[in-house]
Amino acid sequence: QLSMQGVEIIPCIYEDSRYFHEGIASMKLDDKWGCVDCNNNTVIPFIYEDLGICYDNKICAKKENKWGVIDKFNNKLIEFKFDDINLYINRDDGSFPVKINDKWGIIDIYGETIYDFNYDDCENLDEKGWFKFQKDNKWAIYSSEKNEFISDFIYEDVEYYSDGLCLVKLN
């Protein structure tokens, strides 16, 4: 990382990184992920298989091949029990998708199930909490802000949530 004056602040020793948010950034070193602050001080040890970006003091983390959620002080907030999790969840929203046993479901920020694990696929439509879920080869739109599906499972495809609109394919 360089300052605006071109001074190196974070040395070029990391294998990969994510952007700074809330004063920290996830970095990969020696094939493990951890977090550093803007002065390159380690704030989360390099012990994780993967880390997301810090939002509202929460970070998706992968440990022993399972996903959970930690805070920026490395405290476990949600158990490491999920096969997949949305890395860039908007923490202001009340829910986000996770996967167990090849099925997607939706949990709240405390790890409680909101929608059971009945969905075949899940993809982001934007970075603000809009998702598309697939069930029986049909897609529906889910708003994590509203904690509800805003459409039925009727679409052949759904793409690009922007300015309050989604591009959908039907028939």
Foldseek 3Di string as FASTA:
>chain_A
DADPVRHDQADPQFPDWDDADPQWIWTHHPQFIFIAGSNRHTQGDRQFNDWAYAAPQKIWTHHPQFIFIAGSNRHGQGDRAFNDFDGLAHLVFFWGWTHDPQFIFIAGSNHHGPGDRQFNDKDDQDSHAWIWTHHPQFIWIDGSNVRGTPGDRAFNDWHHCDPNDIDTHHD
